[in-house]
Amino acid sequence: VMFETLSPERYGHLVKAATALASIDESDA
């Protein structure tokens, strides 16, 4: 939510990647 509510004009890439940035991938890959 923190990333999603950032200004899309200033932090467009952060907003777009919000879900990926807020996930924990501990898979072998």
PDB file of all heavy atoms in Angstrom:
ATOM      1  N   VAL A   1       0.831  -1.206   0.000  1.00  0.00           N
ATOM      2  CA  VAL A   1       0.000   0.000   0.000  1.00  0.00           C
ATOM      3  C   VAL A   1       0.866   1.257   0.000  1.00  0.00           C
ATOM      4  O   VAL A   1       0.559   2.249  -0.670  1.00  0.00           O
ATOM      5  CB  VAL A   1      -0.949  -0.014   1.212  1.00  0.00           C
ATOM      6  CG1 VAL A   1      -1.654   1.332   1.355  1.00  0.00           C
ATOM      7  CG2 VAL A   1      -1.971  -1.134   1.082  1.00  0.00           C
ATOM      8  N   MET A   2       1.965   1.205   0.737  1.00  0.00           N
ATOM      9  CA  MET A   2       2.865   2.352   0.781  1.00  0.00           C
ATOM     10  C   MET A   2       3.371   2.710  -0.612  1.00  0.00           C
ATOM     11  O   MET A   2       3.372   3.873  -1.017  1.00  0.00           O
ATOM     12  CB  MET A   2       4.047   2.062   1.699  1.00  0.00           C
ATOM     13  CG  MET A   2       5.073   3.182   1.765  1.00  0.00           C
ATOM     14  SD  MET A   2       6.593   2.675   2.637  1.00  0.00           S
ATOM     15  CE  MET A   2       7.295   1.535   1.417  1.00  0.00           C
ATOM     16  N   PHE A   3       3.769   1.690  -1.382  1.00  0.00           N
ATOM     17  CA  PHE A   3       4.262   1.941  -2.735  1.00  0.00           C
ATOM     18  C   PHE A   3       3.128   2.362  -3.677  1.00  0.00           C
ATOM     19  O   PHE A   3       3.303   3.245  -4.520  1.00  0.00           O
ATOM     20  CB  PHE A   3       4.962   0.696  -3.292  1.00  0.00           C
ATOM     21  CG  PHE A   3       6.309   0.438  -2.689  1.00  0.00           C
ATOM     22  CD1 PHE A   3       6.610  -0.783  -2.105  1.00  0.00           C
ATOM     23  CD2 PHE A   3       7.293   1.418  -2.693  1.00  0.00           C
ATOM     24  CE1 PHE A   3       7.855  -1.025  -1.547  1.00  0.00           C
ATOM     25  CE2 PHE A   3       8.545   1.182  -2.145  1.00  0.00           C
ATOM     26  CZ  PHE A   3       8.824  -0.040  -1.566  1.00  0.00           C
ATOM     27  N   GLU A   4       1.976   1.715  -3.528  1.00  0.00           N
ATOM     28  CA  GLU A   4       0.858   2.002  -4.423  1.00  0.00           C
ATOM     29  C   GLU A   4       0.328   3.432  -4.277  1.00  0.00           C
ATOM     30  O   GLU A   4      -0.219   3.993  -5.236  1.00  0.00           O
ATOM     31  CB  GLU A   4      -0.285   1.019  -4.163  1.00  0.00           C
ATOM     32  CG  GLU A   4      -0.010  -0.386  -4.661  1.00  0.00           C
ATOM     33  CD  GLU A   4      -1.148  -1.336  -4.343  1.00  0.00           C
ATOM     34  OE1 GLU A   4      -1.929  -1.041  -3.408  1.00  0.00           O
ATOM     35  OE2 GLU A   4      -1.250  -2.388  -5.007  1.00  0.00           O
ATOM     36  N   THR A   5       0.481   4.005  -3.098  1.00  0.00           N
ATOM     37  CA  THR A   5      -0.075   5.334  -2.857  1.00  0.00           C
ATOM     38  C   THR A   5       0.936   6.456  -3.103  1.00  0.00           C
ATOM     39  O   THR A   5       0.648   7.623  -2.831  1.00  0.00           O
ATOM     40  CB  THR A   5      -0.584   5.435  -1.401  1.00  0.00           C
ATOM     41  OG1 THR A   5       0.454   5.056  -0.499  1.00  0.00           O
ATOM     42  CG2 THR A   5      -1.788   4.528  -1.203  1.00  0.00           C
ATOM     43  N   LEU A   6       2.107   6.111  -3.621  1.00  0.00           N
ATOM     44  CA  LEU A   6       3.053   7.149  -4.014  1.00  0.00           C
ATOM     45  C   LEU A   6       2.552   7.886  -5.253  1.00  0.00           C
ATOM     46  O   LEU A   6       1.689   7.390  -5.982  1.00  0.00           O
ATOM     47  CB  LEU A   6       4.428   6.534  -4.303  1.00  0.00           C
ATOM     48  CG  LEU A   6       5.195   5.949  -3.116  1.00  0.00           C
ATOM     49  CD1 LEU A   6       6.429   5.213  -3.604  1.00  0.00           C
ATOM     50  CD2 LEU A   6       5.575   7.029  -2.116  1.00  0.00           C
ATOM     51  N   SER A   7       3.092   9.049  -5.501  1.00  0.00           N
ATOM     52  CA  SER A   7       2.714   9.821  -6.689  1.00  0.00           C
ATOM     53  C   SER A   7       3.131   9.081  -7.949  1.00  0.00           C
ATOM     54  O   SER A   7       4.328   8.831  -8.162  1.00  0.00           O
ATOM     55  CB  SER A   7       3.384  11.194  -6.663  1.00  0.00           C
ATOM     56  OG  SER A   7       3.259  11.826  -7.922  1.00  0.00           O
ATOM     57  N   PRO A   8       2.171   8.705  -8.815  1.00  0.00           N
ATOM     58  CA  PRO A   8       2.532   7.992 -10.039  1.00  0.00           C
ATOM     59  C   PRO A   8       3.322   8.854 -11.012  1.00  0.00           C
ATOM     60  O   PRO A   8       4.063   8.325 -11.853  1.00  0.00           O
ATOM     61  CB  PRO A   8       1.176   7.574 -10.622  1.00  0.00           C
ATOM     62  CG  PRO A   8       0.202   8.534 -10.041  1.00  0.00           C
ATOM     63  CD  PRO A   8       0.718   8.874  -8.678  1.00  0.00           C
ATOM     64  N   GLU A   9       3.170  10.171 -10.904  1.00  0.00           N
ATOM     65  CA  GLU A   9       3.926  11.050 -11.789  1.00  0.00           C
ATOM     66  C   GLU A   9       5.417  11.046 -11.426  1.00  0.00           C
ATOM     67  O   GLU A   9       6.289  11.039 -12.294  1.00  0.00           O
ATOM     68  CB  GLU A   9       3.391  12.489 -11.706  1.00  0.00           C
ATOM     69  CG  GLU A   9       2.031  12.691 -12.336  1.00  0.00           C
ATOM     70  CD  GLU A   9       0.899  12.157 -11.477  1.00  0.00           C
ATOM     71  OE1 GLU A   9       1.128  11.987 -10.233  1.00  0.00           O
ATOM     72  OE2 GLU A   9      -0.186  11.883 -12.016  1.00  0.00           O
ATOM     73  N   ARG A  10       5.703  11.016 -10.131  1.00  0.00           N
ATOM     74  CA  ARG A  10       7.099  11.060  -9.690  1.00  0.00           C
ATOM     75  C   ARG A  10       7.693   9.673  -9.514  1.00  0.00           C
ATOM     76  O   ARG A  10       8.892   9.474  -9.750  1.00  0.00           O
ATOM     77  CB  ARG A  10       7.186  11.829  -8.372  1.00  0.00           C
ATOM     78  CG  ARG A  10       8.611  12.010  -7.871  1.00  0.00           C
ATOM     79  CD  ARG A  10       8.664  12.925  -6.658  1.00  0.00           C
ATOM     80  NE  ARG A  10      10.027  13.123  -6.199  1.00  0.00           N
ATOM     81  CZ  ARG A  10      10.369  13.887  -5.164  1.00  0.00           C
ATOM     82  NH1 ARG A  10       9.422  14.531  -4.480  1.00  0.00           N
ATOM     83  NH2 ARG A  10      11.636  14.019  -4.808  1.00  0.00           N
ATOM     84  N   TYR A  11       6.889   8.702  -9.085  1.00  0.00           N
ATOM     85  CA  TYR A  11       7.398   7.364  -8.794  1.00  0.00           C
ATOM     86  C   TYR A  11       6.620   6.301  -9.571  1.00  0.00           C
ATOM     87  O   TYR A  11       6.169   5.300  -9.010  1.00  0.00           O
ATOM     88  CB  TYR A  11       7.301   7.078  -7.287  1.00  0.00           C
ATOM     89  CG  TYR A  11       8.060   8.054  -6.426  1.00  0.00           C
ATOM     90  CD1 TYR A  11       7.388   8.966  -5.619  1.00  0.00           C
ATOM     91  CD2 TYR A  11       9.453   8.062  -6.417  1.00  0.00           C
ATOM     92  CE1 TYR A  11       8.085   9.864  -4.817  1.00  0.00           C
ATOM     93  CE2 TYR A  11      10.161   8.950  -5.618  1.00  0.00           C
ATOM     94  CZ  TYR A  11       9.473   9.861  -4.828  1.00  0.00           C
ATOM     95  OH  TYR A  11      10.170  10.745  -4.041  1.00  0.00           O
ATOM     96  N   GLY A  12       6.484   6.523 -10.863  1.00  0.00           N
ATOM     97  CA  GLY A  12       5.699   5.611 -11.694  1.00  0.00           C
ATOM     98  C   GLY A  12       6.170   4.171 -11.648  1.00  0.00           C
ATOM     99  O   GLY A  12       5.352   3.244 -11.591  1.00  0.00           O
ATOM    100  N   HIS A  13       7.477   3.964 -11.672  1.00  0.00           N
ATOM    101  CA  HIS A  13       8.004   2.593 -11.682  1.00  0.00           C
ATOM    102  C   HIS A  13       7.808   1.918 -10.326  1.00  0.00           C
ATOM    103  O   HIS A  13       7.549   0.711 -10.253  1.00  0.00           O
ATOM    104  CB  HIS A  13       9.481   2.592 -12.075  1.00  0.00           C
ATOM    105  CG  HIS A  13       9.715   2.953 -13.509  1.00  0.00           C
ATOM    106  ND1 HIS A  13       9.410   2.099 -14.544  1.00  0.00           N
ATOM    107  CD2 HIS A  13      10.197   4.081 -14.079  1.00  0.00           C
ATOM    108  CE1 HIS A  13       9.705   2.668 -15.701  1.00  0.00           C
ATOM    109  NE2 HIS A  13      10.177   3.880 -15.447  1.00  0.00           N
ATOM    110  N   LEU A  14       7.929   2.689  -9.245  1.00  0.00           N
ATOM    111  CA  LEU A  14       7.675   2.123  -7.919  1.00  0.00           C
ATOM    112  C   LEU A  14       6.219   1.698  -7.771  1.00  0.00           C
ATOM    113  O   LEU A  14       5.923   0.625  -7.239  1.00  0.00           O
ATOM    114  CB  LEU A  14       8.014   3.153  -6.833  1.00  0.00           C
ATOM    115  CG  LEU A  14       9.496   3.317  -6.461  1.00  0.00           C
ATOM    116  CD1 LEU A  14       9.669   4.493  -5.505  1.00  0.00           C
ATOM    117  CD2 LEU A  14      10.040   2.045  -5.846  1.00  0.00           C
ATOM    118  N   VAL A  15       5.318   2.530  -8.247  1.00  0.00           N
ATOM    119  CA  VAL A  15       3.892   2.201  -8.167  1.00  0.00           C
ATOM    120  C   VAL A  15       3.601   0.949  -8.991  1.00  0.00           C
ATOM    121  O   VAL A  15       2.889   0.042  -8.542  1.00  0.00           O
ATOM    122  CB  VAL A  15       3.037   3.379  -8.655  1.00  0.00           C
ATOM    123  CG1 VAL A  15       1.571   2.978  -8.729  1.00  0.00           C
ATOM    124  CG2 VAL A  15       3.209   4.588  -7.737  1.00  0.00           C
ATOM    125  N   LYS A  16       4.161   0.878 -10.163  1.00  0.00           N
ATOM    126  CA  LYS A  16       3.921  -0.263 -11.060  1.00  0.00           C
ATOM    127  C   LYS A  16       4.460  -1.565 -10.456  1.00  0.00           C
ATOM    128  O   LYS A  16       3.877  -2.644 -10.636  1.00  0.00           O
ATOM    129  CB  LYS A  16       4.571  -0.004 -12.411  1.00  0.00           C
ATOM    130  CG  LYS A  16       4.288  -1.065 -13.452  1.00  0.00           C
ATOM    131  CD  LYS A  16       4.902  -0.691 -14.795  1.00  0.00           C
ATOM    132  CE  LYS A  16       4.603  -1.738 -15.854  1.00  0.00           C
ATOM    133  NZ  LYS A  16       5.196  -1.364 -17.177  1.00  0.00           N
ATOM    134  N   ALA A  17       5.564  -1.461  -9.729  1.00  0.00           N
ATOM    135  CA  ALA A  17       6.205  -2.659  -9.165  1.00  0.00           C
ATOM    136  C   ALA A  17       5.815  -2.890  -7.712  1.00  0.00           C
ATOM    137  O   ALA A  17       6.445  -3.697  -7.024  1.00  0.00           O
ATOM    138  CB  ALA A  17       7.720  -2.536  -9.284  1.00  0.00           C
ATOM    139  N   ALA A  18       4.756  -2.211  -7.228  1.00  0.00           N
ATOM    140  CA  ALA A  18       4.390  -2.280  -5.815  1.00  0.00           C
ATOM    141  C   ALA A  18       4.199  -3.713  -5.326  1.00  0.00           C
ATOM    142  O   ALA A  18       4.714  -4.097  -4.270  1.00  0.00           O
ATOM    143  CB  ALA A  18       3.120  -1.455  -5.562  1.00  0.00           C
ATOM    144  N   THR A  19       3.459  -4.507  -6.073  1.00  0.00           N
ATOM    145  CA  THR A  19       3.186  -5.882  -5.649  1.00  0.00           C
ATOM    146  C   THR A  19       4.462  -6.711  -5.609  1.00  0.00           C
ATOM    147  O   THR A  19       4.707  -7.471  -4.656  1.00  0.00           O
ATOM    148  CB  THR A  19       2.160  -6.536  -6.585  1.00  0.00           C
ATOM    149  OG1 THR A  19       0.937  -5.798  -6.534  1.00  0.00           O
ATOM    150  CG2 THR A  19       1.898  -7.978  -6.166  1.00  0.00           C
ATOM    151  N   ALA A  20       5.288  -6.554  -6.631  1.00  0.00           N
ATOM    152  CA  ALA A  20       6.538  -7.318  -6.684  1.00  0.00           C
ATOM    153  C   ALA A  20       7.489  -6.897  -5.571  1.00  0.00           C
ATOM    154  O   ALA A  20       8.165  -7.739  -4.953  1.00  0.00           O
ATOM    155  CB  ALA A  20       7.209  -7.123  -8.043  1.00  0.00           C
ATOM    156  N   LEU A  21       7.554  -5.598  -5.279  1.00  0.00           N
ATOM    157  CA  LEU A  21       8.445  -5.106  -4.238  1.00  0.00           C
ATOM    158  C   LEU A  21       7.991  -5.525  -2.848  1.00  0.00           C
ATOM    159  O   LEU A  21       8.801  -5.614  -1.923  1.00  0.00           O
ATOM    160  CB  LEU A  21       8.540  -3.575  -4.305  1.00  0.00           C
ATOM    161  CG  LEU A  21       9.284  -3.005  -5.513  1.00  0.00           C
ATOM    162  CD1 LEU A  21       9.092  -1.494  -5.577  1.00  0.00           C
ATOM    163  CD2 LEU A  21      10.770  -3.351  -5.440  1.00  0.00           C
ATOM    164  N   ALA A  22       6.701  -5.782  -2.698  1.00  0.00           N
ATOM    165  CA  ALA A  22       6.151  -6.148  -1.396  1.00  0.00           C
ATOM    166  C   ALA A  22       5.933  -7.651  -1.273  1.00  0.00           C
ATOM    167  O   ALA A  22       5.079  -8.110  -0.527  1.00  0.00           O
ATOM    168  CB  ALA A  22       4.834  -5.421  -1.159  1.00  0.00           C
ATOM    169  N   SER A  23       6.705  -8.412  -2.010  1.00  0.00           N
ATOM    170  CA  SER A  23       6.606  -9.867  -1.922  1.00  0.00           C
ATOM    171  C   SER A  23       7.953 -10.426  -1.495  1.00  0.00           C
ATOM    172  O   SER A  23       8.986  -9.783  -1.676  1.00  0.00           O
ATOM    173  CB  SER A  23       6.188 -10.479  -3.260  1.00  0.00           C
ATOM    174  OG  SER A  23       7.202 -10.268  -4.235  1.00  0.00           O
ATOM    175  N   ILE A  24       7.931 -11.599  -0.913  1.00  0.00           N
ATOM    176  CA  ILE A  24       9.155 -12.274  -0.510  1.00  0.00           C
ATOM    177  C   ILE A  24       9.260 -13.570  -1.302  1.00  0.00           C
ATOM    178  O   ILE A  24       8.455 -14.485  -1.114  1.00  0.00           O
ATOM    179  CB  ILE A  24       9.169 -12.574   0.995  1.00  0.00           C
ATOM    180  CG1 ILE A  24       9.169 -11.269   1.797  1.00  0.00           C
ATOM    181  CG2 ILE A  24      10.371 -13.416   1.362  1.00  0.00           C
ATOM    182  CD1 ILE A  24       9.178 -11.479   3.288  1.00  0.00           C
ATOM    183  N   ASP A  25      10.222 -13.601  -2.197  1.00  0.00           N
ATOM    184  CA  ASP A  25      10.429 -14.788  -3.021  1.00  0.00           C
ATOM    185  C   ASP A  25      11.648 -15.530  -2.500  1.00  0.00           C
ATOM    186  O   ASP A  25      12.779 -15.074  -2.668  1.00  0.00           O
ATOM    187  CB  ASP A  25      10.645 -14.383  -4.483  1.00  0.00           C
ATOM    188  CG  ASP A  25      10.668 -15.591  -5.410  1.00  0.00           C
ATOM    189  OD1 ASP A  25      10.723 -16.729  -4.901  1.00  0.00           O
ATOM    190  OD2 ASP A  25      10.627 -15.406  -6.641  1.00  0.00           O
ATOM    191  N   GLU A  26      11.420 -16.657  -1.836  1.00  0.00           N
ATOM    192  CA  GLU A  26      12.513 -17.461  -1.302  1.00  0.00           C
ATOM    193  C   GLU A  26      12.612 -18.793  -2.042  1.00  0.00           C
ATOM    194  O   GLU A  26      13.100 -19.779  -1.505  1.00  0.00           O
ATOM    195  CB  GLU A  26      12.305 -17.691   0.196  1.00  0.00           C
ATOM    196  CG  GLU A  26      12.333 -16.407   1.017  1.00  0.00           C
ATOM    197  CD  GLU A  26      12.098 -16.640   2.499  1.00  0.00           C
ATOM    198  OE1 GLU A  26      11.608 -17.738   2.829  1.00  0.00           O
ATOM    199  OE2 GLU A  26      12.394 -15.753   3.299  1.00  0.00           O
ATOM    200  N   SER A  27      12.140 -18.799  -3.284  1.00  0.00           N
ATOM    201  CA  SER A  27      12.172 -20.020  -4.072  1.00  0.00           C
ATOM    202  C   SER A  27      13.601 -20.342  -4.490  1.00  0.00           C
ATOM    203  O   SER A  27      14.501 -19.500  -4.435  1.00  0.00           O
ATOM    204  CB  SER A  27      11.303 -19.861  -5.325  1.00  0.00           C
ATOM    205  OG  SER A  27      11.856 -18.866  -6.181  1.00  0.00           O
ATOM    206  N   ASP A  28      13.790 -21.592  -4.931  1.00  0.00           N
ATOM    207  CA  ASP A  28      15.106 -21.991  -5.416  1.00  0.00           C
ATOM    208  C   ASP A  28      15.537 -21.124  -6.588  1.00  0.00           C
ATOM    209  O   ASP A  28      16.714 -20.769  -6.714  1.00  0.00           O
ATOM    210  CB  ASP A  28      15.078 -23.460  -5.841  1.00  0.00           C
ATOM    211  CG  ASP A  28      14.923 -24.400  -4.656  1.00  0.00           C
ATOM    212  OD1 ASP A  28      15.163 -23.962  -3.508  1.00  0.00           O
ATOM    213  OD2 ASP A  28      14.546 -25.576  -4.873  1.00  0.00           O
ATOM    214  N   ALA A  29      14.574 -20.765  -7.460  1.00  0.00           N
ATOM    215  CA  ALA A  29      14.897 -19.956  -8.626  1.00  0.00           C
ATOM    216  C   ALA A  29      15.376 -18.567  -8.223  1.00  0.00           C
ATOM    217  O   ALA A  29      16.318 -18.015  -8.801  1.00  0.00           O
ATOM    218  CB  ALA A  29      13.678 -19.842  -9.545  1.00  0.00           C
TER     219      ALA A  29
END
